[in-house]
Amino acid sequence: MKKYVVVDRNRNWDSFDFICEDTTNLGDIWHSHCPYNLEESKREKLRPLIFEKKSDAVKYKDAQQSYANHDWSENGHIHKIYGHSKPRWKVEEYNGDLFR
């Protein structure tokens, strides 16, 4: 059975964000920021929120993207100073590894 995660790989070139398992519902979404060059030994400590149904993952992706769009409209000028691009959250198939 396929599994899914919600990630943003657009904001920074050297890192990505993902919705983590600390999330309790659509109104309480937590996400983690992770560098691509994270040591192998630390990768197993990452805890993404894993979805069994793509439709459930899409609900969380849409909620997080809505929040990100609102933040960008108000603070995009600040994010740009730090070299960040506008977030683009996506649903991806999960095979047990966030690094690809």
Protein backbone atom coordinates (compact mmCIF):
# COMPACT_ATOMS: atom_id res chain seq x y z
CA MET A 1 0.00 0.00 0.00
CA LYS A 2 1.31 3.44 -0.90
CA LYS A 3 2.07 5.99 1.78
CA TYR A 4 2.34 9.76 1.43
CA VAL A 5 4.06 12.74 3.03
CA VAL A 6 3.69 16.49 2.56
CA VAL A 7 6.90 18.37 1.76
CA ASP A 8 8.19 21.71 0.47
CA ARG A 9 11.38 21.36 -1.55
CA ASN A 10 11.15 24.79 -3.18
CA ARG A 11 11.85 27.33 -0.45
CA ASN A 12 15.59 26.69 -0.03
CA TRP A 13 18.04 25.01 -2.37
CA ASP A 14 19.96 23.22 0.42
CA SER A 15 17.09 22.06 2.63
CA PHE A 16 13.45 21.06 2.69
CA ASP A 17 10.46 21.22 5.05
CA PHE A 18 7.97 18.49 5.87
CA ILE A 19 4.85 18.18 8.00
CA CYS A 20 5.92 16.26 11.09
CA GLU A 21 4.09 13.82 13.31
CA ASP A 22 3.66 16.42 16.07
CA THR A 23 0.72 17.67 13.99
CA THR A 24 -2.58 16.89 15.69
CA ASN A 25 -5.15 18.23 13.19
CA LEU A 26 -5.66 20.67 10.32
CA GLY A 27 -5.68 23.60 12.75
CA ASP A 28 -2.44 22.53 14.44
CA ILE A 29 0.08 21.75 11.69
CA TRP A 30 3.74 21.51 12.66
CA HIS A 31 6.53 21.29 10.16
CA SER A 32 10.25 20.60 10.43
CA HIS A 33 13.13 22.07 8.48
CA CYS A 34 15.88 19.69 7.39
CA PRO A 35 19.14 20.17 5.47
CA TYR A 36 19.81 17.76 2.61
CA ASN A 37 23.31 17.12 3.96
CA LEU A 38 22.04 15.79 7.30
CA GLU A 39 24.24 13.01 8.65
CA GLU A 40 22.95 9.49 7.99
CA SER A 41 22.85 8.72 11.72
CA LYS A 42 20.47 11.63 12.35
CA ARG A 43 18.12 10.89 9.47
CA GLU A 44 16.39 8.09 11.35
CA LYS A 45 15.28 10.62 13.99
CA LEU A 46 13.12 12.51 11.47
CA ARG A 47 9.43 11.89 12.06
CA PRO A 48 7.26 12.93 9.11
CA LEU A 49 3.50 12.66 9.34
CA ILE A 50 2.74 9.66 7.12
CA PHE A 51 -0.63 9.38 5.41
CA GLU A 52 -2.28 6.16 4.27
CA LYS A 53 -4.62 8.01 1.89
CA LYS A 54 -3.52 10.58 -0.63
CA SER A 55 -6.78 12.48 -0.11
CA ASP A 56 -5.91 13.01 3.58
CA ALA A 57 -2.43 14.23 2.65
CA VAL A 58 -3.94 16.68 0.16
CA LYS A 59 -6.11 18.21 2.91
CA TYR A 60 -3.03 18.92 5.02
CA LYS A 61 -1.06 20.14 2.00
CA ASP A 62 -3.85 22.57 1.12
CA ALA A 63 -4.09 23.87 4.69
CA GLN A 64 -0.31 24.34 4.97
CA GLN A 65 -0.08 25.98 1.53
CA SER A 66 -2.87 28.38 2.49
CA TYR A 67 -0.97 29.39 5.62
CA ALA A 68 2.28 29.71 3.63
CA ASN A 69 0.57 31.89 1.00
CA HIS A 70 -0.79 34.21 3.69
CA ASP A 71 2.63 34.44 5.35
CA TRP A 72 4.30 35.14 2.00
CA SER A 73 1.85 37.93 1.17
CA GLU A 74 2.65 39.65 4.46
CA ASN A 75 6.34 38.77 4.91
CA GLY A 76 7.62 37.83 1.44
CA HIS A 77 9.91 40.85 1.38
CA ILE A 78 11.66 39.54 4.51
CA HIS A 79 11.90 35.96 3.20
CA LYS A 80 13.44 37.24 -0.05
CA ILE A 81 16.19 39.00 1.92
CA TYR A 82 17.25 35.57 3.20
CA GLY A 83 17.14 34.06 -0.29
CA HIS A 84 13.94 32.05 0.24
CA SER A 85 11.53 31.28 -2.58
CA LYS A 86 7.79 31.12 -2.16
CA PRO A 87 6.89 27.77 -0.57
CA ARG A 88 5.24 25.12 -2.75
CA TRP A 89 3.97 22.30 -0.60
CA LYS A 90 3.41 18.99 -2.39
CA VAL A 91 2.21 15.49 -1.65
CA GLU A 92 4.87 12.86 -2.40
CA GLU A 93 4.87 9.09 -2.20
CA TYR A 94 6.83 7.93 0.83
CA ASN A 95 9.13 4.92 0.64
CA GLY A 96 10.67 5.30 4.10
CA ASP A 97 13.20 7.98 3.17
CA LEU A 98 12.65 11.73 2.83
CA PHE A 99 15.94 12.16 0.98
CA ARG A 100 15.91 11.63 -2.76
